[in-house]
């Protein structure tokens, strides 16, 4: 049995995430944070150089108790445990441990709540009105953000990762690289295509101005990136954090709830497709869900609306 230290093996596992496992940047950042904190806990409570084989499930439970003591929520503790479990699975596959002690630790019971999504009418009104009450510099880019998040149901990270070459105009489709770098195509609707064409013309104009003003800075830009940040800072590619700010600003401007974020628009896509009669398997394909059970959450959203209508209208419900 290999006796390398836990800290060293955490780094090897994190390197494998970025390499052969093709984990998303979001997953890499989350696992790095969670496992570094767990490794620090092991060093503090068991000792430096502790091998993973010396870690028992009681130790992992103690770590979760410490997380709760810090005020972490159950979902946060569940994410930490998921990272630890993945690490131990990797350790077992590579012969560093005989079994996964994290498998003996029960996941924190999470509250079951469904996200509130705007109605079809609210979403159509908002997307159609973008620009009417704003003076920001790049309205067409912001319209594209909403058209792709809501109109195509893609994730925030998938959105900012889009390149110009991912737009397949001849097939009216967009190539999406999802979790684990799995690829799928989503249809490019007429509204999204129109918004993209207007935005791309403005994008070219903006890049041309930057080249004239500062050719050296312009040379650092990622010319393949579809969505660029307003001031073309760094490599120019828009970040997920900036998208979240843009979505929140537009939502509040046009009367959507203040807690609307990019993933809310993805939820709305799934719920509204189902509401309008789309097949659950088709929605699963469009959203890039690995399991149908994930997609089935949207049936609960729709059933909730049906129940509300029943309560309001059926004579036997009163």
C-alpha atoms as a PDB file:
ATOM      1  CA  UNK A   1       0.000   0.000   0.000  1.00  0.00           C
ATOM      2  CA  UNK A   2       1.459   3.362  -1.049  1.00  0.00           C
ATOM      3  CA  UNK A   3       2.144   5.720   1.886  1.00  0.00           C
ATOM      4  CA  UNK A   4       2.375   9.077   0.136  1.00  0.00           C
ATOM      5  CA  UNK A   5       0.935  11.961   2.138  1.00  0.00           C
ATOM      6  CA  UNK A   6      -2.668  13.092   1.728  1.00  0.00           C
ATOM      7  CA  UNK A   7      -1.579  16.608   0.794  1.00  0.00           C
ATOM      8  CA  UNK A   8       0.611  15.359  -2.046  1.00  0.00           C
ATOM      9  CA  UNK A   9      -2.091  13.018  -3.330  1.00  0.00           C
ATOM     10  CA  UNK A  10      -4.677  15.795  -3.268  1.00  0.00           C
ATOM     11  CA  UNK A  11      -2.444  17.731  -5.680  1.00  0.00           C
ATOM     12  CA  UNK A  12      -2.072  14.695  -7.936  1.00  0.00           C
ATOM     13  CA  UNK A  13      -5.842  14.205  -8.007  1.00  0.00           C
ATOM     14  CA  UNK A  14      -6.437  17.884  -8.828  1.00  0.00           C
ATOM     15  CA  UNK A  15      -3.907  17.626 -11.662  1.00  0.00           C
ATOM     16  CA  UNK A  16      -5.817  14.619 -13.008  1.00  0.00           C
ATOM     17  CA  UNK A  17      -9.043  16.665 -13.003  1.00  0.00           C
ATOM     18  CA  UNK A  18      -7.504  19.211 -15.331  1.00  0.00           C
ATOM     19  CA  UNK A  19      -5.919  16.502 -17.493  1.00  0.00           C
ATOM     20  CA  UNK A  20      -7.406  13.171 -18.357  1.00  0.00           C
ATOM     21  CA  UNK A  21     -10.747  13.686 -16.562  1.00  0.00           C
ATOM     22  CA  UNK A  22     -11.594  16.893 -18.483  1.00  0.00           C
ATOM     23  CA  UNK A  23     -13.427  18.452 -15.530  1.00  0.00           C
ATOM     24  CA  UNK A  24     -14.875  21.923 -16.033  1.00  0.00           C
ATOM     25  CA  UNK A  25     -13.047  24.936 -14.613  1.00  0.00           C
ATOM     26  CA  UNK A  26     -15.890  25.383 -12.125  1.00  0.00           C
ATOM     27  CA  UNK A  27     -15.435  21.815 -10.842  1.00  0.00           C
ATOM     28  CA  UNK A  28     -11.666  22.221 -10.692  1.00  0.00           C
ATOM     29  CA  UNK A  29     -11.951  25.394  -8.616  1.00  0.00           C
ATOM     30  CA  UNK A  30     -14.550  23.876  -6.275  1.00  0.00           C
ATOM     31  CA  UNK A  31     -12.587  20.649  -5.702  1.00  0.00           C
ATOM     32  CA  UNK A  32      -9.361  22.584  -5.176  1.00  0.00           C
ATOM     33  CA  UNK A  33     -10.970  24.666  -2.449  1.00  0.00           C
ATOM     34  CA  UNK A  34     -12.743  21.761  -0.739  1.00  0.00           C
ATOM     35  CA  UNK A  35      -9.816  19.332  -0.785  1.00  0.00           C
ATOM     36  CA  UNK A  36      -7.215  21.867   0.313  1.00  0.00           C
ATOM     37  CA  UNK A  37      -9.381  22.623   3.352  1.00  0.00           C
ATOM     38  CA  UNK A  38      -9.850  18.909   4.062  1.00  0.00           C
ATOM     39  CA  UNK A  39      -6.093  18.261   3.745  1.00  0.00           C
ATOM     40  CA  UNK A  40      -5.417  21.111   6.192  1.00  0.00           C
ATOM     41  CA  UNK A  41      -7.897  19.543   8.629  1.00  0.00           C
ATOM     42  CA  UNK A  42      -6.122  16.177   8.353  1.00  0.00           C
ATOM     43  CA  UNK A  43      -2.713  17.756   8.977  1.00  0.00           C
ATOM     44  CA  UNK A  44      -4.028  19.640  11.995  1.00  0.00           C
ATOM     45  CA  UNK A  45      -5.908  16.746  13.589  1.00  0.00           C
ATOM     46  CA  UNK A  46      -3.887  13.670  12.591  1.00  0.00           C
ATOM     47  CA  UNK A  47      -0.520  15.039  11.608  1.00  0.00           C
ATOM     48  CA  UNK A  48       1.596  16.138   8.650  1.00  0.00           C
ATOM     49  CA  UNK A  49       2.402  13.427   6.145  1.00  0.00           C
ATOM     50  CA  UNK A  50      -0.708  11.413   7.002  1.00  0.00           C
ATOM     51  CA  UNK A  51      -1.431   8.811   4.323  1.00  0.00           C
ATOM     52  CA  UNK A  52      -5.039   8.514   3.053  1.00  0.00           C
ATOM     53  CA  UNK A  53      -5.172   4.914   4.304  1.00  0.00           C
ATOM     54  CA  UNK A  54      -5.029   6.284   7.853  1.00  0.00           C
ATOM     55  CA  UNK A  55      -8.173   8.371   7.350  1.00  0.00           C
ATOM     56  CA  UNK A  56     -11.319   6.711   8.672  1.00  0.00           C
ATOM     57  CA  UNK A  57     -14.958   7.579   8.138  1.00  0.00           C
ATOM     58  CA  UNK A  58     -15.174   8.962  11.690  1.00  0.00           C
ATOM     59  CA  UNK A  59     -12.549  11.544  10.725  1.00  0.00           C
ATOM     60  CA  UNK A  60     -14.618  12.640   7.747  1.00  0.00           C
ATOM     61  CA  UNK A  61     -17.703  12.939   9.970  1.00  0.00           C
ATOM     62  CA  UNK A  62     -15.661  15.090  12.357  1.00  0.00           C
ATOM     63  CA  UNK A  63     -14.691  17.314   9.444  1.00  0.00           C
ATOM     64  CA  UNK A  64     -18.339  17.774   8.448  1.00  0.00           C
ATOM     65  CA  UNK A  65     -19.160  18.646  12.068  1.00  0.00           C
ATOM     66  CA  UNK A  66     -16.458  21.310  11.959  1.00  0.00           C
ATOM     67  CA  UNK A  67     -17.952  22.712   8.753  1.00  0.00           C
ATOM     68  CA  UNK A  68     -21.344  22.966  10.440  1.00  0.00           C
ATOM     69  CA  UNK A  69     -19.626  24.646  13.390  1.00  0.00           C
ATOM     70  CA  UNK A  70     -18.285  27.301  11.025  1.00  0.00           C
ATOM     71  CA  UNK A  71     -21.845  28.012   9.959  1.00  0.00           C
ATOM     72  CA  UNK A  72     -21.754  26.265   6.599  1.00  0.00           C
ATOM     73  CA  UNK A  73     -25.098  25.221   5.157  1.00  0.00           C
ATOM     74  CA  UNK A  74     -26.063  21.638   4.382  1.00  0.00           C
ATOM     75  CA  UNK A  75     -25.629  22.141   0.616  1.00  0.00           C
ATOM     76  CA  UNK A  76     -22.092  23.476   1.231  1.00  0.00           C
ATOM     77  CA  UNK A  77     -21.257  20.491   3.449  1.00  0.00           C
ATOM     78  CA  UNK A  78     -22.699  18.155   0.802  1.00  0.00           C
ATOM     79  CA  UNK A  79     -20.422  19.696  -1.834  1.00  0.00           C
ATOM     80  CA  UNK A  80     -17.405  19.200   0.433  1.00  0.00           C
ATOM     81  CA  UNK A  81     -18.326  15.550   0.995  1.00  0.00           C
ATOM     82  CA  UNK A  82     -18.792  15.015  -2.753  1.00  0.00           C
ATOM     83  CA  UNK A  83     -15.259  16.294  -3.390  1.00  0.00           C
ATOM     84  CA  UNK A  84     -13.837  14.025  -0.675  1.00  0.00           C
ATOM     85  CA  UNK A  85     -15.690  11.016  -2.084  1.00  0.00           C
ATOM     86  CA  UNK A  86     -14.356  11.692  -5.575  1.00  0.00           C
ATOM     87  CA  UNK A  87     -10.828  11.947  -4.215  1.00  0.00           C
ATOM     88  CA  UNK A  88     -11.121   8.619  -2.395  1.00  0.00           C
ATOM     89  CA  UNK A  89     -12.586   6.943  -5.497  1.00  0.00           C
ATOM     90  CA  UNK A  90      -9.522   8.095  -7.416  1.00  0.00           C
ATOM     91  CA  UNK A  91      -7.256   6.875  -4.582  1.00  0.00           C
ATOM     92  CA  UNK A  92      -8.911   3.437  -4.645  1.00  0.00           C
ATOM     93  CA  UNK A  93      -8.577   3.146  -8.430  1.00  0.00           C
ATOM     94  CA  UNK A  94      -4.893   3.965  -8.183  1.00  0.00           C
ATOM     95  CA  UNK A  95      -4.158   1.603  -5.299  1.00  0.00           C
ATOM     96  CA  UNK A  96      -3.572   4.136  -2.531  1.00  0.00           C
ATOM     97  CA  UNK A  97      -6.483   2.858  -0.400  1.00  0.00           C
ATOM     98  CA  UNK A  98      -8.423  -0.397  -0.293  1.00  0.00           C
ATOM     99  CA  UNK A  99     -11.840   1.176   0.236  1.00  0.00           C
ATOM    100  CA  UNK A 100     -13.558   4.536   0.256  1.00  0.00           C
ATOM    101  CA  UNK A 101     -14.249   5.611   3.868  1.00  0.00           C
ATOM    102  CA  UNK A 102     -16.286   8.599   2.582  1.00  0.00           C
ATOM    103  CA  UNK A 103     -18.825   6.103   1.199  1.00  0.00           C
ATOM    104  CA  UNK A 104     -19.712   5.263   4.814  1.00  0.00           C
ATOM    105  CA  UNK A 105     -20.598   8.885   5.564  1.00  0.00           C
ATOM    106  CA  UNK A 106     -24.219   9.803   4.859  1.00  0.00           C
ATOM    107  CA  UNK A 107     -24.794  12.850   2.708  1.00  0.00           C
ATOM    108  CA  UNK A 108     -26.412  15.794   4.504  1.00  0.00           C
ATOM    109  CA  UNK A 109     -30.167  15.739   3.930  1.00  0.00           C
ATOM    110  CA  UNK A 110     -30.968  18.662   1.690  1.00  0.00           C
ATOM    111  CA  UNK A 111     -34.222  20.594   1.655  1.00  0.00           C
ATOM    112  CA  UNK A 112     -36.263  19.824  -1.456  1.00  0.00           C
ATOM    113  CA  UNK A 113     -37.305  23.058  -3.038  1.00  0.00           C
ATOM    114  CA  UNK A 114     -38.011  23.933  -6.618  1.00  0.00           C
ATOM    115  CA  UNK A 115     -36.752  27.173  -8.132  1.00  0.00           C
ATOM    116  CA  UNK A 116     -39.350  29.762  -8.986  1.00  0.00           C
ATOM    117  CA  UNK A 117     -39.151  30.531 -12.672  1.00  0.00           C
ATOM    118  CA  UNK A 118     -40.662  33.504 -14.490  1.00  0.00           C
ATOM    119  CA  UNK A 119     -43.687  32.798 -16.636  1.00  0.00           C
ATOM    120  CA  UNK A 120     -43.535  32.519 -20.429  1.00  0.00           C
ATOM    121  CA  UNK A 121     -45.158  35.933 -20.683  1.00  0.00           C
ATOM    122  CA  UNK A 122     -42.645  37.504 -18.290  1.00  0.00           C
ATOM    123  CA  UNK A 123     -39.696  36.066 -20.180  1.00  0.00           C
ATOM    124  CA  UNK A 124     -40.981  37.099 -23.605  1.00  0.00           C
ATOM    125  CA  UNK A 125     -41.749  40.610 -22.354  1.00  0.00           C
ATOM    126  CA  UNK A 126     -38.273  40.966 -20.839  1.00  0.00           C
ATOM    127  CA  UNK A 127     -36.273  39.655 -23.809  1.00  0.00           C
ATOM    128  CA  UNK A 128     -38.301  41.675 -26.314  1.00  0.00           C
ATOM    129  CA  UNK A 129     -37.885  44.848 -24.242  1.00  0.00           C
ATOM    130  CA  UNK A 130     -34.107  44.713 -23.671  1.00  0.00           C
ATOM    131  CA  UNK A 131     -32.785  48.117 -24.663  1.00  0.00           C
ATOM    132  CA  UNK A 132     -35.982  50.084 -24.178  1.00  0.00           C
ATOM    133  CA  UNK A 133     -35.057  51.377 -20.722  1.00  0.00           C
ATOM    134  CA  UNK A 134     -31.268  51.080 -20.749  1.00  0.00           C
ATOM    135  CA  UNK A 135     -28.321  53.194 -21.760  1.00  0.00           C
ATOM    136  CA  UNK A 136     -25.536  50.617 -21.360  1.00  0.00           C
ATOM    137  CA  UNK A 137     -22.924  50.407 -24.080  1.00  0.00           C
ATOM    138  CA  UNK A 138     -23.561  46.971 -25.528  1.00  0.00           C
ATOM    139  CA  UNK A 139     -27.264  46.186 -25.603  1.00  0.00           C
ATOM    140  CA  UNK A 140     -27.086  43.662 -28.439  1.00  0.00           C
ATOM    141  CA  UNK A 141     -24.578  41.535 -26.578  1.00  0.00           C
ATOM    142  CA  UNK A 142     -26.884  41.521 -23.547  1.00  0.00           C
ATOM    143  CA  UNK A 143     -29.802  40.530 -25.758  1.00  0.00           C
ATOM    144  CA  UNK A 144     -27.714  37.614 -27.097  1.00  0.00           C
ATOM    145  CA  UNK A 145     -26.995  36.528 -23.507  1.00  0.00           C
ATOM    146  CA  UNK A 146     -30.715  36.239 -22.768  1.00  0.00           C
ATOM    147  CA  UNK A 147     -31.536  34.648 -26.119  1.00  0.00           C
ATOM    148  CA  UNK A 148     -28.942  31.909 -25.543  1.00  0.00           C
ATOM    149  CA  UNK A 149     -29.528  31.304 -21.823  1.00  0.00           C
ATOM    150  CA  UNK A 150     -33.311  31.232 -22.143  1.00  0.00           C
ATOM    151  CA  UNK A 151     -33.781  30.475 -25.824  1.00  0.00           C
ATOM    152  CA  UNK A 152     -31.283  27.580 -25.869  1.00  0.00           C
ATOM    153  CA  UNK A 153     -31.225  26.577 -22.193  1.00  0.00           C
ATOM    154  CA  UNK A 154     -27.444  26.505 -21.959  1.00  0.00           C
ATOM    155  CA  UNK A 155     -25.411  26.897 -18.764  1.00  0.00           C
ATOM    156  CA  UNK A 156     -23.552  30.095 -17.875  1.00  0.00           C
ATOM    157  CA  UNK A 157     -20.152  28.364 -18.246  1.00  0.00           C
ATOM    158  CA  UNK A 158     -21.218  26.944 -21.618  1.00  0.00           C
ATOM    159  CA  UNK A 159     -22.269  30.420 -22.731  1.00  0.00           C
ATOM    160  CA  UNK A 160     -18.979  32.167 -21.951  1.00  0.00           C
ATOM    161  CA  UNK A 161     -17.048  29.255 -23.464  1.00  0.00           C
ATOM    162  CA  UNK A 162     -18.659  29.701 -26.885  1.00  0.00           C
ATOM    163  CA  UNK A 163     -16.363  30.495 -29.807  1.00  0.00           C
ATOM    164  CA  UNK A 164     -17.280  32.011 -33.159  1.00  0.00           C
ATOM    165  CA  UNK A 165     -16.658  28.635 -34.792  1.00  0.00           C
ATOM    166  CA  UNK A 166     -19.347  27.043 -32.627  1.00  0.00           C
ATOM    167  CA  UNK A 167     -22.050  28.886 -34.581  1.00  0.00           C
ATOM    168  CA  UNK A 168     -23.127  26.526 -37.366  1.00  0.00           C
ATOM    169  CA  UNK A 169     -25.170  28.876 -39.488  1.00  0.00           C
ATOM    170  CA  UNK A 170     -25.797  26.382 -42.303  1.00  0.00           C
ATOM    171  CA  UNK A 171     -27.494  23.992 -39.890  1.00  0.00           C
ATOM    172  CA  UNK A 172     -29.099  26.652 -37.653  1.00  0.00           C
ATOM    173  CA  UNK A 173     -27.330  25.042 -34.689  1.00  0.00           C
ATOM    174  CA  UNK A 174     -24.820  25.889 -31.977  1.00  0.00           C
ATOM    175  CA  UNK A 175     -22.157  23.478 -30.722  1.00  0.00           C
ATOM    176  CA  UNK A 176     -22.162  23.394 -26.923  1.00  0.00           C
ATOM    177  CA  UNK A 177     -19.365  21.946 -24.788  1.00  0.00           C
ATOM    178  CA  UNK A 178     -20.979  20.852 -21.553  1.00  0.00           C
ATOM    179  CA  UNK A 179     -19.864  19.233 -18.322  1.00  0.00           C
ATOM    180  CA  UNK A 180     -16.975  16.846 -18.788  1.00  0.00           C
ATOM    181  CA  UNK A 181     -16.492  18.533 -22.191  1.00  0.00           C
ATOM    182  CA  UNK A 182     -19.332  16.503 -23.641  1.00  0.00           C
ATOM    183  CA  UNK A 183     -20.537  18.064 -26.851  1.00  0.00           C
ATOM    184  CA  UNK A 184     -24.097  18.558 -28.033  1.00  0.00           C
ATOM    185  CA  UNK A 185     -25.879  20.700 -30.593  1.00  0.00           C
ATOM    186  CA  UNK A 186     -28.773  23.000 -29.745  1.00  0.00           C
ATOM    187  CA  UNK A 187     -31.025  24.674 -32.315  1.00  0.00           C
ATOM    188  CA  UNK A 188     -30.391  28.329 -33.099  1.00  0.00           C
ATOM    189  CA  UNK A 189     -33.832  29.914 -33.043  1.00  0.00           C
ATOM    190  CA  UNK A 190     -34.758  32.792 -35.339  1.00  0.00           C
ATOM    191  CA  UNK A 191     -34.701  35.323 -32.502  1.00  0.00           C
ATOM    192  CA  UNK A 192     -31.264  34.156 -31.328  1.00  0.00           C
ATOM    193  CA  UNK A 193     -29.915  34.210 -34.896  1.00  0.00           C
ATOM    194  CA  UNK A 194     -31.165  37.777 -35.459  1.00  0.00           C
ATOM    195  CA  UNK A 195     -29.654  38.970 -32.172  1.00  0.00           C
ATOM    196  CA  UNK A 196     -26.352  37.237 -32.970  1.00  0.00           C
ATOM    197  CA  UNK A 197     -26.068  38.830 -36.417  1.00  0.00           C
ATOM    198  CA  UNK A 198     -26.618  42.327 -35.015  1.00  0.00           C
ATOM    199  CA  UNK A 199     -24.197  41.726 -32.171  1.00  0.00           C
ATOM    200  CA  UNK A 200     -21.484  40.234 -34.408  1.00  0.00           C
ATOM    201  CA  UNK A 201     -21.509  43.341 -36.609  1.00  0.00           C
ATOM    202  CA  UNK A 202     -21.053  45.531 -33.517  1.00  0.00           C
ATOM    203  CA  UNK A 203     -18.369  43.161 -32.218  1.00  0.00           C
ATOM    204  CA  UNK A 204     -16.324  43.582 -35.403  1.00  0.00           C
ATOM    205  CA  UNK A 205     -16.633  47.364 -35.205  1.00  0.00           C
ATOM    206  CA  UNK A 206     -15.502  47.374 -31.587  1.00  0.00           C
ATOM    207  CA  UNK A 207     -12.493  45.158 -32.324  1.00  0.00           C
ATOM    208  CA  UNK A 208     -11.497  47.371 -35.256  1.00  0.00           C
ATOM    209  CA  UNK A 209     -11.566  50.459 -33.000  1.00  0.00           C
ATOM    210  CA  UNK A 210      -9.424  48.669 -30.395  1.00  0.00           C
ATOM    211  CA  UNK A 211      -6.830  47.726 -33.040  1.00  0.00           C
ATOM    212  CA  UNK A 212      -6.618  51.338 -34.168  1.00  0.00           C
ATOM    213  CA  UNK A 213      -6.320  52.651 -30.593  1.00  0.00           C
ATOM    214  CA  UNK A 214      -3.994  50.055 -29.099  1.00  0.00           C
ATOM    215  CA  UNK A 215      -2.704  47.313 -31.387  1.00  0.00           C
ATOM    216  CA  UNK A 216      -0.582  45.759 -28.632  1.00  0.00           C
ATOM    217  CA  UNK A 217      -3.562  45.344 -26.275  1.00  0.00           C
ATOM    218  CA  UNK A 218      -5.714  44.136 -29.163  1.00  0.00           C
ATOM    219  CA  UNK A 219      -3.182  41.406 -29.952  1.00  0.00           C
ATOM    220  CA  UNK A 220      -3.815  39.868 -26.516  1.00  0.00           C
ATOM    221  CA  UNK A 221      -7.532  39.449 -27.156  1.00  0.00           C
ATOM    222  CA  UNK A 222      -9.044  36.024 -27.685  1.00  0.00           C
ATOM    223  CA  UNK A 223     -10.278  36.521 -31.249  1.00  0.00           C
ATOM    224  CA  UNK A 224     -12.264  33.276 -31.133  1.00  0.00           C
ATOM    225  CA  UNK A 225     -14.411  34.272 -28.131  1.00  0.00           C
ATOM    226  CA  UNK A 226     -18.027  34.920 -29.078  1.00  0.00           C
ATOM    227  CA  UNK A 227     -18.948  37.132 -26.126  1.00  0.00           C
ATOM    228  CA  UNK A 228     -16.537  39.923 -25.213  1.00  0.00           C
ATOM    229  CA  UNK A 229     -16.462  42.093 -22.106  1.00  0.00           C
ATOM    230  CA  UNK A 230     -17.489  45.718 -22.421  1.00  0.00           C
ATOM    231  CA  UNK A 231     -14.036  47.315 -22.201  1.00  0.00           C
ATOM    232  CA  UNK A 232     -12.081  44.457 -23.838  1.00  0.00           C
ATOM    233  CA  UNK A 233      -9.979  43.921 -20.725  1.00  0.00           C
ATOM    234  CA  UNK A 234      -7.556  41.001 -20.434  1.00  0.00           C
ATOM    235  CA  UNK A 235      -8.199  38.472 -23.178  1.00  0.00           C
ATOM    236  CA  UNK A 236     -11.589  40.068 -23.786  1.00  0.00           C
ATOM    237  CA  UNK A 237     -13.705  36.981 -23.072  1.00  0.00           C
ATOM    238  CA  UNK A 238     -16.766  37.613 -20.912  1.00  0.00           C
ATOM    239  CA  UNK A 239     -16.758  35.820 -17.531  1.00  0.00           C
ATOM    240  CA  UNK A 240     -19.543  33.921 -15.767  1.00  0.00           C
ATOM    241  CA  UNK A 241     -19.502  36.526 -12.989  1.00  0.00           C
ATOM    242  CA  UNK A 242     -20.084  39.332 -15.480  1.00  0.00           C
ATOM    243  CA  UNK A 243     -22.938  37.385 -17.091  1.00  0.00           C
ATOM    244  CA  UNK A 244     -24.555  36.960 -13.661  1.00  0.00           C
ATOM    245  CA  UNK A 245     -24.363  40.732 -13.084  1.00  0.00           C
ATOM    246  CA  UNK A 246     -25.835  41.472 -16.513  1.00  0.00           C
ATOM    247  CA  UNK A 247     -28.722  39.032 -15.999  1.00  0.00           C
ATOM    248  CA  UNK A 248     -29.506  40.464 -12.562  1.00  0.00           C
ATOM    249  CA  UNK A 249     -29.447  44.048 -13.856  1.00  0.00           C
ATOM    250  CA  UNK A 250     -31.756  43.297 -16.760  1.00  0.00           C
ATOM    251  CA  UNK A 251     -34.096  41.224 -14.564  1.00  0.00           C
ATOM    252  CA  UNK A 252     -34.495  44.075 -12.094  1.00  0.00           C
ATOM    253  CA  UNK A 253     -34.904  46.652 -14.876  1.00  0.00           C
ATOM    254  CA  UNK A 254     -37.838  44.798 -16.419  1.00  0.00           C
ATOM    255  CA  UNK A 255     -39.630  43.646 -13.313  1.00  0.00           C
ATOM    256  CA  UNK A 256     -38.389  40.079 -12.904  1.00  0.00           C
ATOM    257  CA  UNK A 257     -37.583  38.880  -9.349  1.00  0.00           C
ATOM    258  CA  UNK A 258     -34.280  40.194  -7.987  1.00  0.00           C
ATOM    259  CA  UNK A 259     -33.037  36.648  -7.365  1.00  0.00           C
ATOM    260  CA  UNK A 260     -33.060  35.760 -11.076  1.00  0.00           C
ATOM    261  CA  UNK A 261     -29.644  34.480 -12.189  1.00  0.00           C
ATOM    262  CA  UNK A 262     -28.353  32.707 -15.323  1.00  0.00           C
ATOM    263  CA  UNK A 263     -29.426  29.254 -14.125  1.00  0.00           C
ATOM    264  CA  UNK A 264     -32.954  30.576 -13.538  1.00  0.00           C
ATOM    265  CA  UNK A 265     -33.190  31.175 -17.288  1.00  0.00           C
ATOM    266  CA  UNK A 266     -32.088  27.583 -17.934  1.00  0.00           C
ATOM    267  CA  UNK A 267     -34.776  26.352 -15.526  1.00  0.00           C
ATOM    268  CA  UNK A 268     -37.306  28.534 -17.325  1.00  0.00           C
ATOM    269  CA  UNK A 269     -36.281  27.018 -20.668  1.00  0.00           C
ATOM    270  CA  UNK A 270     -36.896  23.475 -19.408  1.00  0.00           C
ATOM    271  CA  UNK A 271     -40.138  24.284 -17.599  1.00  0.00           C
ATOM    272  CA  UNK A 272     -41.607  26.263 -20.492  1.00  0.00           C
ATOM    273  CA  UNK A 273     -40.665  23.621 -23.090  1.00  0.00           C
ATOM    274  CA  UNK A 274     -42.450  20.989 -21.011  1.00  0.00           C
ATOM    275  CA  UNK A 275     -45.393  23.299 -20.410  1.00  0.00           C
ATOM    276  CA  UNK A 276     -45.797  23.719 -24.159  1.00  0.00           C
ATOM    277  CA  UNK A 277     -45.826  19.961 -24.740  1.00  0.00           C
ATOM    278  CA  UNK A 278     -42.177  19.068 -25.466  1.00  0.00           C
ATOM    279  CA  UNK A 279     -41.062  15.471 -24.909  1.00  0.00           C
ATOM    280  CA  UNK A 280     -39.032  14.955 -21.727  1.00  0.00           C
ATOM    281  CA  UNK A 281     -36.303  13.070 -23.616  1.00  0.00           C
ATOM    282  CA  UNK A 282     -35.938  15.932 -26.089  1.00  0.00           C
ATOM    283  CA  UNK A 283     -35.569  18.407 -23.222  1.00  0.00           C
ATOM    284  CA  UNK A 284     -32.955  16.123 -21.651  1.00  0.00           C
ATOM    285  CA  UNK A 285     -30.968  16.190 -24.905  1.00  0.00           C
ATOM    286  CA  UNK A 286     -31.227  19.954 -25.283  1.00  0.00           C
ATOM    287  CA  UNK A 287     -30.170  20.626 -21.688  1.00  0.00           C
ATOM    288  CA  UNK A 288     -27.327  18.104 -21.808  1.00  0.00           C
ATOM    289  CA  UNK A 289     -28.522  16.188 -18.753  1.00  0.00           C
ATOM    290  CA  UNK A 290     -26.798  12.858 -18.276  1.00  0.00           C
ATOM    291  CA  UNK A 291     -29.741  11.411 -16.322  1.00  0.00           C
ATOM    292  CA  UNK A 292     -33.415  11.714 -17.142  1.00  0.00           C
ATOM    293  CA  UNK A 293     -34.137  12.054 -13.407  1.00  0.00           C
ATOM    294  CA  UNK A 294     -32.454  15.475 -13.506  1.00  0.00           C
ATOM    295  CA  UNK A 295     -34.740  16.597 -16.307  1.00  0.00           C
ATOM    296  CA  UNK A 296     -37.782  15.275 -14.456  1.00  0.00           C
ATOM    297  CA  UNK A 297     -37.463  18.161 -12.002  1.00  0.00           C
ATOM    298  CA  UNK A 298     -39.205  20.244 -14.635  1.00  0.00           C
ATOM    299  CA  UNK A 299     -42.280  18.032 -14.460  1.00  0.00           C
ATOM    300  CA  UNK A 300     -42.542  19.062 -10.811  1.00  0.00           C
ATOM    301  CA  UNK A 301     -42.362  22.725 -11.808  1.00  0.00           C
ATOM    302  CA  UNK A 302     -45.175  22.222 -14.308  1.00  0.00           C
ATOM    303  CA  UNK A 303     -47.273  20.095 -11.939  1.00  0.00           C
ATOM    304  CA  UNK A 304     -46.974  22.921  -9.407  1.00  0.00           C
ATOM    305  CA  UNK A 305     -48.492  25.349 -11.892  1.00  0.00           C
ATOM    306  CA  UNK A 306     -51.269  22.898 -12.806  1.00  0.00           C
ATOM    307  CA  UNK A 307     -52.088  22.440  -9.110  1.00  0.00           C
ATOM    308  CA  UNK A 308     -52.265  26.203  -8.674  1.00  0.00           C
ATOM    309  CA  UNK A 309     -54.708  26.524 -11.585  1.00  0.00           C
ATOM    310  CA  UNK A 310     -56.771  23.643 -10.173  1.00  0.00           C
ATOM    311  CA  UNK A 311     -56.945  25.273  -6.750  1.00  0.00           C
ATOM    312  CA  UNK A 312     -58.087  28.536  -8.300  1.00  0.00           C
ATOM    313  CA  UNK A 313     -60.648  27.188 -10.746  1.00  0.00           C
ATOM    314  CA  UNK A 314     -62.076  23.769  -9.895  1.00  0.00           C
ATOM    315  CA  UNK A 315     -65.307  23.930  -7.858  1.00  0.00           C
ATOM    316  CA  UNK A 316     -64.314  20.900  -5.771  1.00  0.00           C
ATOM    317  CA  UNK A 317     -60.985  22.491  -4.805  1.00  0.00           C
ATOM    318  CA  UNK A 318     -62.602  25.349  -2.892  1.00  0.00           C
END
